[in-house]
């Protein structure tokens, strides 16, 4: 896991703990990166099995 992937993962996990589901805009604001970089990192985390998206509940599972 790269430093950026770890940062995105921590943001998602921390927001999830407070009952929030981070939006793309939240991630862009908190990381300072563009949409493409965030999408690549999230896709990589999903392929590694670190993150899962629940389509029915529309929230991240970790």
PDB file of N, CA and C in Angstrom:
ATOM      1  N   UNK A   1       0.849  -1.178   0.000  1.00  0.00           N
ATOM      2  CA  UNK A   1       0.000   0.000   0.000  1.00  0.00           C
ATOM      3  C   UNK A   1       0.896   1.244   0.000  1.00  0.00           C
ATOM      4  N   UNK A   2       0.609   2.146  -0.903  1.00  0.00           N
ATOM      5  CA  UNK A   2       1.407   3.367  -0.982  1.00  0.00           C
ATOM      6  C   UNK A   2       0.969   4.337   0.126  1.00  0.00           C
ATOM      7  N   UNK A   3       1.758   5.380   0.333  1.00  0.00           N
ATOM      8  CA  UNK A   3       1.408   6.384   1.336  1.00  0.00           C
ATOM      9  C   UNK A   3       0.067   7.031   1.017  1.00  0.00           C
ATOM     10  N   UNK A   4      -0.160   7.337  -0.267  1.00  0.00           N
ATOM     11  CA  UNK A   4      -1.411   7.972  -0.647  1.00  0.00           C
ATOM     12  C   UNK A   4      -2.597   7.034  -0.443  1.00  0.00           C
ATOM     13  N   UNK A   5      -2.432   5.759  -0.786  1.00  0.00           N
ATOM     14  CA  UNK A   5      -3.504   4.785  -0.564  1.00  0.00           C
ATOM     15  C   UNK A   5      -3.811   4.672   0.925  1.00  0.00           C
ATOM     16  N   UNK A   6      -2.772   4.666   1.747  1.00  0.00           N
ATOM     17  CA  UNK A   6      -2.946   4.588   3.188  1.00  0.00           C
ATOM     18  C   UNK A   6      -3.713   5.817   3.709  1.00  0.00           C
ATOM     19  N   UNK A   7      -3.391   6.991   3.151  1.00  0.00           N
ATOM     20  CA  UNK A   7      -4.070   8.226   3.548  1.00  0.00           C
ATOM     21  C   UNK A   7      -5.555   8.162   3.190  1.00  0.00           C
ATOM     22  N   UNK A   8      -5.863   7.744   1.961  1.00  0.00           N
ATOM     23  CA  UNK A   8      -7.259   7.625   1.526  1.00  0.00           C
ATOM     24  C   UNK A   8      -7.992   6.607   2.399  1.00  0.00           C
ATOM     25  N   UNK A   9      -7.354   5.490   2.665  1.00  0.00           N
ATOM     26  CA  UNK A   9      -7.947   4.445   3.505  1.00  0.00           C
ATOM     27  C   UNK A   9      -8.276   4.993   4.892  1.00  0.00           C
ATOM     28  N   UNK A  10      -7.329   5.708   5.494  1.00  0.00           N
ATOM     29  CA  UNK A  10      -7.542   6.255   6.836  1.00  0.00           C
ATOM     30  C   UNK A  10      -8.672   7.274   6.851  1.00  0.00           C
ATOM     31  N   UNK A  11      -8.761   8.094   5.834  1.00  0.00           N
ATOM     32  CA  UNK A  11      -9.850   9.077   5.760  1.00  0.00           C
ATOM     33  C   UNK A  11     -11.192   8.359   5.704  1.00  0.00           C
ATOM     34  N   UNK A  12     -11.296   7.350   4.857  1.00  0.00           N
ATOM     35  CA  UNK A  12     -12.550   6.606   4.721  1.00  0.00           C
ATOM     36  C   UNK A  12     -12.901   5.907   6.028  1.00  0.00           C
ATOM     37  N   UNK A  13     -11.929   5.248   6.654  1.00  0.00           N
ATOM     38  CA  UNK A  13     -12.173   4.534   7.909  1.00  0.00           C
ATOM     39  C   UNK A  13     -12.575   5.507   9.010  1.00  0.00           C
ATOM     40  N   UNK A  14     -11.855   6.615   9.146  1.00  0.00           N
ATOM     41  CA  UNK A  14     -12.165   7.574  10.209  1.00  0.00           C
ATOM     42  C   UNK A  14     -13.545   8.196  10.023  1.00  0.00           C
ATOM     43  N   UNK A  15     -13.901   8.550   8.805  1.00  0.00           N
ATOM     44  CA  UNK A  15     -15.226   9.124   8.566  1.00  0.00           C
ATOM     45  C   UNK A  15     -16.308   8.074   8.811  1.00  0.00           C
ATOM     46  N   UNK A  16     -16.018   6.827   8.460  1.00  0.00           N
ATOM     47  CA  UNK A  16     -16.970   5.733   8.683  1.00  0.00           C
ATOM     48  C   UNK A  16     -17.241   5.556  10.188  1.00  0.00           C
ATOM     49  N   UNK A  17     -16.211   5.720  10.998  1.00  0.00           N
ATOM     50  CA  UNK A  17     -16.367   5.586  12.454  1.00  0.00           C
ATOM     51  C   UNK A  17     -17.330   6.629  13.014  1.00  0.00           C
ATOM     52  N   UNK A  18     -17.406   7.774  12.375  1.00  0.00           N
ATOM     53  CA  UNK A  18     -18.311   8.834  12.811  1.00  0.00           C
ATOM     54  C   UNK A  18     -19.644   8.811  12.053  1.00  0.00           C
ATOM     55  N   UNK A  19     -19.910   7.719  11.374  1.00  0.00           N
ATOM     56  CA  UNK A  19     -21.178   7.536  10.697  1.00  0.00           C
ATOM     57  C   UNK A  19     -21.332   8.328   9.413  1.00  0.00           C
ATOM     58  N   UNK A  20     -20.220   8.757   8.840  1.00  0.00           N
ATOM     59  CA  UNK A  20     -20.270   9.527   7.599  1.00  0.00           C
ATOM     60  C   UNK A  20     -19.691   8.708   6.464  1.00  0.00           C
ATOM     61  N   UNK A  21     -20.181   8.974   5.275  1.00  0.00           N
ATOM     62  CA  UNK A  21     -19.681   8.308   4.089  1.00  0.00           C
ATOM     63  C   UNK A  21     -18.991   9.375   3.235  1.00  0.00           C
ATOM     64  N   UNK A  22     -17.658   9.339   3.122  1.00  0.00           N
ATOM     65  CA  UNK A  22     -16.961  10.408   2.402  1.00  0.00           C
ATOM     66  C   UNK A  22     -17.314  10.447   0.918  1.00  0.00           C
ATOM     67  N   UNK A  23     -17.550  11.640   0.431  1.00  0.00           N
ATOM     68  CA  UNK A  23     -17.818  11.834  -0.987  1.00  0.00           C
ATOM     69  C   UNK A  23     -16.494  12.058  -1.700  1.00  0.00           C
ATOM     70  N   UNK A  24     -16.552  12.067  -3.001  1.00  0.00           N
ATOM     71  CA  UNK A  24     -15.354  12.355  -3.783  1.00  0.00           C
ATOM     72  C   UNK A  24     -14.833  13.751  -3.448  1.00  0.00           C
ATOM     73  N   UNK A  25     -15.739  14.699  -3.273  1.00  0.00           N
ATOM     74  CA  UNK A  25     -15.315  16.055  -2.907  1.00  0.00           C
ATOM     75  C   UNK A  25     -14.641  16.096  -1.542  1.00  0.00           C
ATOM     76  N   UNK A  26     -15.133  15.293  -0.582  1.00  0.00           N
ATOM     77  CA  UNK A  26     -14.482  15.210   0.733  1.00  0.00           C
ATOM     78  C   UNK A  26     -13.048  14.717   0.571  1.00  0.00           C
ATOM     79  N   UNK A  27     -12.882  13.657  -0.226  1.00  0.00           N
ATOM     80  CA  UNK A  27     -11.553  13.085  -0.420  1.00  0.00           C
ATOM     81  C   UNK A  27     -10.636  14.057  -1.158  1.00  0.00           C
ATOM     82  N   UNK A  28     -11.172  14.780  -2.129  1.00  0.00           N
ATOM     83  CA  UNK A  28     -10.368  15.765  -2.863  1.00  0.00           C
ATOM     84  C   UNK A  28      -9.896  16.868  -1.916  1.00  0.00           C
ATOM     85  N   UNK A  29     -10.807  17.334  -1.064  1.00  0.00           N
ATOM     86  CA  UNK A  29     -10.460  18.402  -0.130  1.00  0.00           C
ATOM     87  C   UNK A  29      -9.441  17.935   0.921  1.00  0.00           C
ATOM     88  N   UNK A  30      -9.620  16.733   1.442  1.00  0.00           N
ATOM     89  CA  UNK A  30      -8.758  16.245   2.517  1.00  0.00           C
ATOM     90  C   UNK A  30      -7.383  15.777   2.031  1.00  0.00           C
ATOM     91  N   UNK A  31      -7.303  15.343   0.775  1.00  0.00           N
ATOM     92  CA  UNK A  31      -6.017  14.861   0.263  1.00  0.00           C
ATOM     93  C   UNK A  31      -5.294  15.890  -0.582  1.00  0.00           C
ATOM     94  N   UNK A  32      -6.032  16.814  -1.178  1.00  0.00           N
ATOM     95  CA  UNK A  32      -5.426  17.797  -2.064  1.00  0.00           C
ATOM     96  C   UNK A  32      -5.085  17.221  -3.435  1.00  0.00           C
ATOM     97  N   UNK A  33      -5.624  16.046  -3.728  1.00  0.00           N
ATOM     98  CA  UNK A  33      -5.359  15.392  -5.016  1.00  0.00           C
ATOM     99  C   UNK A  33      -6.559  15.522  -5.936  1.00  0.00           C
ATOM    100  N   UNK A  34      -6.357  15.181  -7.201  1.00  0.00           N
ATOM    101  CA  UNK A  34      -7.452  15.277  -8.162  1.00  0.00           C
ATOM    102  C   UNK A  34      -8.266  13.978  -8.187  1.00  0.00           C
ATOM    103  N   UNK A  35      -9.386  14.034  -8.900  1.00  0.00           N
ATOM    104  CA  UNK A  35     -10.317  12.908  -8.951  1.00  0.00           C
ATOM    105  C   UNK A  35      -9.671  11.641  -9.496  1.00  0.00           C
ATOM    106  N   UNK A  36      -8.866  11.781 -10.522  1.00  0.00           N
ATOM    107  CA  UNK A  36      -8.240  10.605 -11.134  1.00  0.00           C
ATOM    108  C   UNK A  36      -7.322   9.879 -10.149  1.00  0.00           C
ATOM    109  N   UNK A  37      -6.499  10.629  -9.415  1.00  0.00           N
ATOM    110  CA  UNK A  37      -5.589  10.016  -8.431  1.00  0.00           C
ATOM    111  C   UNK A  37      -6.370   9.295  -7.341  1.00  0.00           C
ATOM    112  N   UNK A  38      -7.454   9.907  -6.890  1.00  0.00           N
ATOM    113  CA  UNK A  38      -8.267   9.297  -5.832  1.00  0.00           C
ATOM    114  C   UNK A  38      -8.930   8.026  -6.340  1.00  0.00           C
ATOM    115  N   UNK A  39      -9.468   8.077  -7.546  1.00  0.00           N
ATOM    116  CA  UNK A  39     -10.118   6.882  -8.116  1.00  0.00           C
ATOM    117  C   UNK A  39      -9.122   5.723  -8.275  1.00  0.00           C
ATOM    118  N   UNK A  40      -7.912   6.033  -8.696  1.00  0.00           N
ATOM    119  CA  UNK A  40      -6.876   4.999  -8.842  1.00  0.00           C
ATOM    120  C   UNK A  40      -6.559   4.377  -7.484  1.00  0.00           C
ATOM    121  N   UNK A  41      -6.409   5.223  -6.463  1.00  0.00           N
ATOM    122  CA  UNK A  41      -6.085   4.724  -5.122  1.00  0.00           C
ATOM    123  C   UNK A  41      -7.218   3.860  -4.565  1.00  0.00           C
ATOM    124  N   UNK A  42      -8.458   4.318  -4.718  1.00  0.00           N
ATOM    125  CA  UNK A  42      -9.605   3.569  -4.208  1.00  0.00           C
ATOM    126  C   UNK A  42      -9.740   2.237  -4.947  1.00  0.00           C
ATOM    127  N   UNK A  43      -9.554   2.262  -6.247  1.00  0.00           N
ATOM    128  CA  UNK A  43      -9.636   1.026  -7.036  1.00  0.00           C
ATOM    129  C   UNK A  43      -8.566   0.030  -6.581  1.00  0.00           C
ATOM    130  N   UNK A  44      -7.365   0.531  -6.323  1.00  0.00           N
ATOM    131  CA  UNK A  44      -6.283  -0.323  -5.845  1.00  0.00           C
ATOM    132  C   UNK A  44      -6.622  -0.917  -4.473  1.00  0.00           C
ATOM    133  N   UNK A  45      -7.164  -0.098  -3.583  1.00  0.00           N
ATOM    134  CA  UNK A  45      -7.554  -0.592  -2.253  1.00  0.00           C
ATOM    135  C   UNK A  45      -8.646  -1.650  -2.352  1.00  0.00           C
ATOM    136  N   UNK A  46      -9.565  -1.475  -3.293  1.00  0.00           N
ATOM    137  CA  UNK A  46     -10.626  -2.469  -3.478  1.00  0.00           C
ATOM    138  C   UNK A  46     -10.059  -3.770  -4.041  1.00  0.00           C
ATOM    139  N   UNK A  47      -9.113  -3.672  -4.964  1.00  0.00           N
ATOM    140  CA  UNK A  47      -8.507  -4.878  -5.540  1.00  0.00           C
ATOM    141  C   UNK A  47      -7.680  -5.626  -4.498  1.00  0.00           C
ATOM    142  N   UNK A  48      -7.080  -4.915  -3.550  1.00  0.00           N
ATOM    143  CA  UNK A  48      -6.308  -5.548  -2.477  1.00  0.00           C
ATOM    144  C   UNK A  48      -7.221  -6.136  -1.401  1.00  0.00           C
ATOM    145  N   UNK A  49      -8.506  -5.787  -1.450  1.00  0.00           N
ATOM    146  CA  UNK A  49      -9.445  -6.299  -0.459  1.00  0.00           C
ATOM    147  C   UNK A  49      -9.505  -5.472   0.810  1.00  0.00           C
ATOM    148  N   UNK A  50      -8.888  -4.298   0.811  1.00  0.00           N
ATOM    149  CA  UNK A  50      -8.890  -3.438   1.989  1.00  0.00           C
ATOM    150  C   UNK A  50     -10.225  -2.709   2.146  1.00  0.00           C
ATOM    151  N   UNK A  51     -10.870  -2.387   1.036  1.00  0.00           N
ATOM    152  CA  UNK A  51     -12.157  -1.688   1.046  1.00  0.00           C
ATOM    153  C   UNK A  51     -13.163  -2.448   0.207  1.00  0.00           C
ATOM    154  N   UNK A  52     -14.429  -2.357   0.625  1.00  0.00           N
ATOM    155  CA  UNK A  52     -15.525  -2.923  -0.154  1.00  0.00           C
ATOM    156  C   UNK A  52     -16.655  -1.919  -0.141  1.00  0.00           C
ATOM    157  N   UNK A  53     -17.374  -1.812  -1.258  1.00  0.00           N
ATOM    158  CA  UNK A  53     -18.498  -0.903  -1.390  1.00  0.00           C
ATOM    159  C   UNK A  53     -19.783  -1.711  -1.348  1.00  0.00           C
ATOM    160  N   UNK A  54     -20.675  -1.378  -0.419  1.00  0.00           N
ATOM    161  CA  UNK A  54     -21.981  -2.022  -0.333  1.00  0.00           C
ATOM    162  C   UNK A  54     -22.950  -1.231  -1.214  1.00  0.00           C
ATOM    163  N   UNK A  55     -23.318  -1.814  -2.347  1.00  0.00           N
ATOM    164  CA  UNK A  55     -24.168  -1.113  -3.318  1.00  0.00           C
ATOM    165  C   UNK A  55     -25.574  -0.866  -2.783  1.00  0.00           C
ATOM    166  N   UNK A  56     -26.086  -1.790  -1.981  1.00  0.00           N
ATOM    167  CA  UNK A  56     -27.441  -1.639  -1.462  1.00  0.00           C
ATOM    168  C   UNK A  56     -27.523  -0.537  -0.417  1.00  0.00           C
ATOM    169  N   UNK A  57     -26.577  -0.531   0.512  1.00  0.00           N
ATOM    170  CA  UNK A  57     -26.583   0.470   1.584  1.00  0.00           C
ATOM    171  C   UNK A  57     -25.852   1.747   1.182  1.00  0.00           C
ATOM    172  N   UNK A  58     -25.138   1.677   0.072  1.00  0.00           N
ATOM    173  CA  UNK A  58     -24.357   2.822  -0.440  1.00  0.00           C
ATOM    174  C   UNK A  58     -23.390   3.362   0.601  1.00  0.00           C
ATOM    175  N   UNK A  59     -22.545   2.433   1.104  1.00  0.00           N
ATOM    176  CA  UNK A  59     -21.523   2.853   2.065  1.00  0.00           C
ATOM    177  C   UNK A  59     -20.328   1.917   2.001  1.00  0.00           C
ATOM    178  N   UNK A  60     -19.215   2.397   2.517  1.00  0.00           N
ATOM    179  CA  UNK A  60     -17.979   1.614   2.534  1.00  0.00           C
ATOM    180  C   UNK A  60     -18.014   0.601   3.655  1.00  0.00           C
ATOM    181  N   UNK A  61     -17.456  -0.561   3.382  1.00  0.00           N
ATOM    182  CA  UNK A  61     -17.258  -1.600   4.376  1.00  0.00           C
ATOM    183  C   UNK A  61     -15.756  -1.821   4.501  1.00  0.00           C
ATOM    184  N   UNK A  62     -15.295  -1.990   5.719  1.00  0.00           N
ATOM    185  CA  UNK A  62     -13.863  -2.256   5.910  1.00  0.00           C
ATOM    186  C   UNK A  62     -13.659  -3.335   6.918  1.00  0.00           C
TER     187      UNK A  62
END
